[in-house]
């Protein structure tokens, strides 16, 4: 696992649909270099998974402290329907129609620092919908929903 592609998330980043990675323990209960991907399915996920052994309070999702999340990457963006196109920019993606027939025509610029720019291009006009940082796929999906994409 390339640890540069992962980070230690804040507790508010754990939401329904988020995937986090928990280290696998060996027979002596020590962490190994392997991680298990876990997708959060409900707000009661951890209490359902661990039963009475879990401290579940304030209805907050509180995963193990050694858990990590994967930074948003090319595969995540493409899994949401965006198509990669290295012209005019090596970090360029588009979603929707490539012609100007009035359909949704969204362009996205992404780099390895989680900086994302999303524009709605209509003919020769371009409207900025978002310019900011997105750390992971769950945040990206929330943003797309808020933008109606």
Protein backbone atom coordinates (compact mmCIF):
# COMPACT_ATOMS: atom_id res chain seq x y z
CA UNK A 1 0.00 0.00 0.00
CA UNK A 2 1.43 3.36 -1.03
CA UNK A 3 1.00 5.38 2.17
CA UNK A 4 1.38 8.70 0.30
CA UNK A 5 -2.07 8.08 -1.21
CA UNK A 6 -3.70 7.86 2.23
CA UNK A 7 -4.24 10.17 5.17
CA UNK A 8 -5.58 10.04 8.72
CA UNK A 9 -9.12 11.43 8.55
CA UNK A 10 -10.93 13.66 10.99
CA UNK A 11 -13.94 12.05 12.70
CA UNK A 12 -16.41 14.19 10.69
CA UNK A 13 -15.09 12.67 7.43
CA UNK A 14 -16.67 9.32 8.29
CA UNK A 15 -20.11 9.30 6.74
CA UNK A 16 -22.43 6.84 5.05
CA UNK A 17 -20.77 5.76 1.82
CA UNK A 18 -17.24 6.58 3.00
CA UNK A 19 -14.59 3.89 2.66
CA UNK A 20 -11.81 3.76 5.18
CA UNK A 21 -8.96 1.32 5.60
CA UNK A 22 -8.21 -0.40 8.88
CA UNK A 23 -4.89 -2.17 9.53
CA UNK A 24 -5.05 -5.95 9.75
CA UNK A 25 -3.72 -7.33 13.04
CA UNK A 26 -1.45 -10.34 13.37
CA UNK A 27 -1.81 -13.12 15.95
CA UNK A 28 -0.12 -10.93 18.59
CA UNK A 29 -2.63 -8.10 17.85
CA UNK A 30 0.09 -5.97 16.26
CA UNK A 31 -0.61 -4.01 13.09
CA UNK A 32 0.63 -5.48 9.82
CA UNK A 33 1.32 -3.72 6.51
CA UNK A 34 -2.02 -4.96 5.16
CA UNK A 35 -5.24 -2.94 5.31
CA UNK A 36 -8.87 -3.97 5.09
CA UNK A 37 -11.23 -1.70 3.15
CA UNK A 38 -14.45 -1.01 5.04
CA UNK A 39 -17.41 0.84 3.54
CA UNK A 40 -19.70 2.57 6.05
CA UNK A 41 -23.27 1.48 5.33
CA UNK A 42 -25.21 3.10 8.17
CA UNK A 43 -24.86 5.46 11.12
CA UNK A 44 -24.93 2.42 13.40
CA UNK A 45 -22.20 0.73 11.36
CA UNK A 46 -19.57 0.43 14.07
CA UNK A 47 -21.97 -0.60 16.82
CA UNK A 48 -23.52 -3.20 14.48
CA UNK A 49 -20.08 -4.46 13.46
CA UNK A 50 -18.58 -4.68 16.95
CA UNK A 51 -21.66 -5.00 19.15
CA UNK A 52 -21.23 -4.28 22.87
CA UNK A 53 -17.46 -3.98 22.51
CA UNK A 54 -17.80 -0.59 20.83
CA UNK A 55 -18.01 2.76 22.59
CA UNK A 56 -20.71 4.46 20.53
CA UNK A 57 -21.65 7.89 21.79
CA UNK A 58 -23.42 11.00 20.48
CA UNK A 59 -24.34 9.02 17.36
CA UNK A 60 -20.92 9.94 15.97
CA UNK A 61 -19.06 7.52 13.77
CA UNK A 62 -15.76 6.86 15.50
CA UNK A 63 -13.52 4.37 13.72
CA UNK A 64 -10.25 3.03 15.11
CA UNK A 65 -7.60 5.75 15.45
CA UNK A 66 -5.19 3.91 13.12
CA UNK A 67 -7.67 4.00 10.23
CA UNK A 68 -6.82 5.83 7.03
CA UNK A 69 -8.73 7.11 3.99
CA UNK A 70 -7.57 7.22 0.40
CA UNK A 71 -7.10 10.61 -1.23
CA UNK A 72 -9.30 11.32 -4.23
CA UNK A 73 -7.64 10.05 -7.41
CA UNK A 74 -8.20 9.58 -11.14
CA UNK A 75 -10.06 6.28 -10.69
CA UNK A 76 -12.47 7.87 -8.19
CA UNK A 77 -13.27 10.73 -10.56
CA UNK A 78 -13.85 8.33 -13.45
CA UNK A 79 -16.09 6.14 -11.26
CA UNK A 80 -18.47 9.13 -11.04
CA UNK A 81 -18.91 9.29 -14.81
CA UNK A 82 -16.17 11.73 -15.79
CA UNK A 83 -14.08 10.92 -18.85
CA UNK A 84 -10.35 11.59 -18.92
CA UNK A 85 -9.01 13.74 -21.77
CA UNK A 86 -5.45 15.03 -21.68
CA UNK A 87 -6.22 17.89 -24.07
CA UNK A 88 -5.92 20.79 -23.39
CA UNK A 89 -4.57 19.94 -19.95
CA UNK A 90 -3.05 16.69 -18.60
CA UNK A 91 -5.46 16.89 -15.63
CA UNK A 92 -8.64 17.44 -17.64
CA UNK A 93 -11.90 15.49 -17.32
CA UNK A 94 -15.32 16.10 -18.80
CA UNK A 95 -18.83 14.97 -17.97
CA UNK A 96 -21.87 15.19 -20.20
CA UNK A 97 -21.96 16.32 -23.80
CA UNK A 98 -18.86 17.27 -25.76
CA UNK A 99 -20.79 19.37 -28.25
CA UNK A 100 -22.83 22.53 -27.72
CA UNK A 101 -26.33 21.09 -28.08
CA UNK A 102 -27.58 22.53 -24.80
CA UNK A 103 -26.86 19.42 -22.74
CA UNK A 104 -24.89 19.42 -19.53
CA UNK A 105 -21.23 20.05 -20.33
CA UNK A 106 -19.10 19.97 -17.20
CA UNK A 107 -15.31 20.14 -17.18
CA UNK A 108 -13.15 19.26 -14.23
CA UNK A 109 -9.47 19.99 -13.62
CA UNK A 110 -7.78 17.89 -10.97
CA UNK A 111 -4.23 17.63 -9.67
CA UNK A 112 -2.53 15.46 -7.09
CA UNK A 113 -2.98 18.06 -4.36
CA UNK A 114 -6.78 17.52 -4.27
CA UNK A 115 -7.37 20.90 -5.91
CA UNK A 116 -10.44 20.71 -8.12
CA UNK A 117 -11.99 23.22 -10.47
CA UNK A 118 -15.41 22.43 -11.94
CA UNK A 119 -16.81 24.56 -14.76
CA UNK A 120 -20.09 24.48 -16.65
CA UNK A 121 -19.25 25.29 -20.26
CA UNK A 122 -22.04 26.54 -22.49
CA UNK A 123 -20.79 27.41 -25.96
CA UNK A 124 -18.09 30.07 -25.63
CA UNK A 125 -19.09 30.82 -22.01
CA UNK A 126 -17.77 29.08 -18.94
CA UNK A 127 -19.25 29.33 -15.43
CA UNK A 128 -17.20 28.32 -12.41
CA UNK A 129 -19.16 25.96 -10.18
CA UNK A 130 -16.43 25.01 -7.72
CA UNK A 131 -12.80 25.80 -6.97
CA UNK A 132 -11.37 24.14 -3.90
CA UNK A 133 -9.97 21.05 -2.21
CA UNK A 134 -11.68 17.67 -2.08
CA UNK A 135 -9.87 14.99 -0.10
CA UNK A 136 -11.78 11.79 -0.83
CA UNK A 137 -14.45 10.11 -2.94
CA UNK A 138 -17.21 10.59 -0.35
CA UNK A 139 -16.65 14.37 -0.29
CA UNK A 140 -16.55 14.41 -4.10
CA UNK A 141 -19.88 12.59 -4.39
CA UNK A 142 -21.48 15.01 -1.91
CA UNK A 143 -20.22 17.98 -3.94
CA UNK A 144 -21.56 16.54 -7.21
CA UNK A 145 -24.96 16.04 -5.59
CA UNK A 146 -24.99 19.61 -4.26
CA UNK A 147 -24.11 20.91 -7.74
CA UNK A 148 -26.79 18.78 -9.38
CA UNK A 149 -24.30 16.82 -11.47
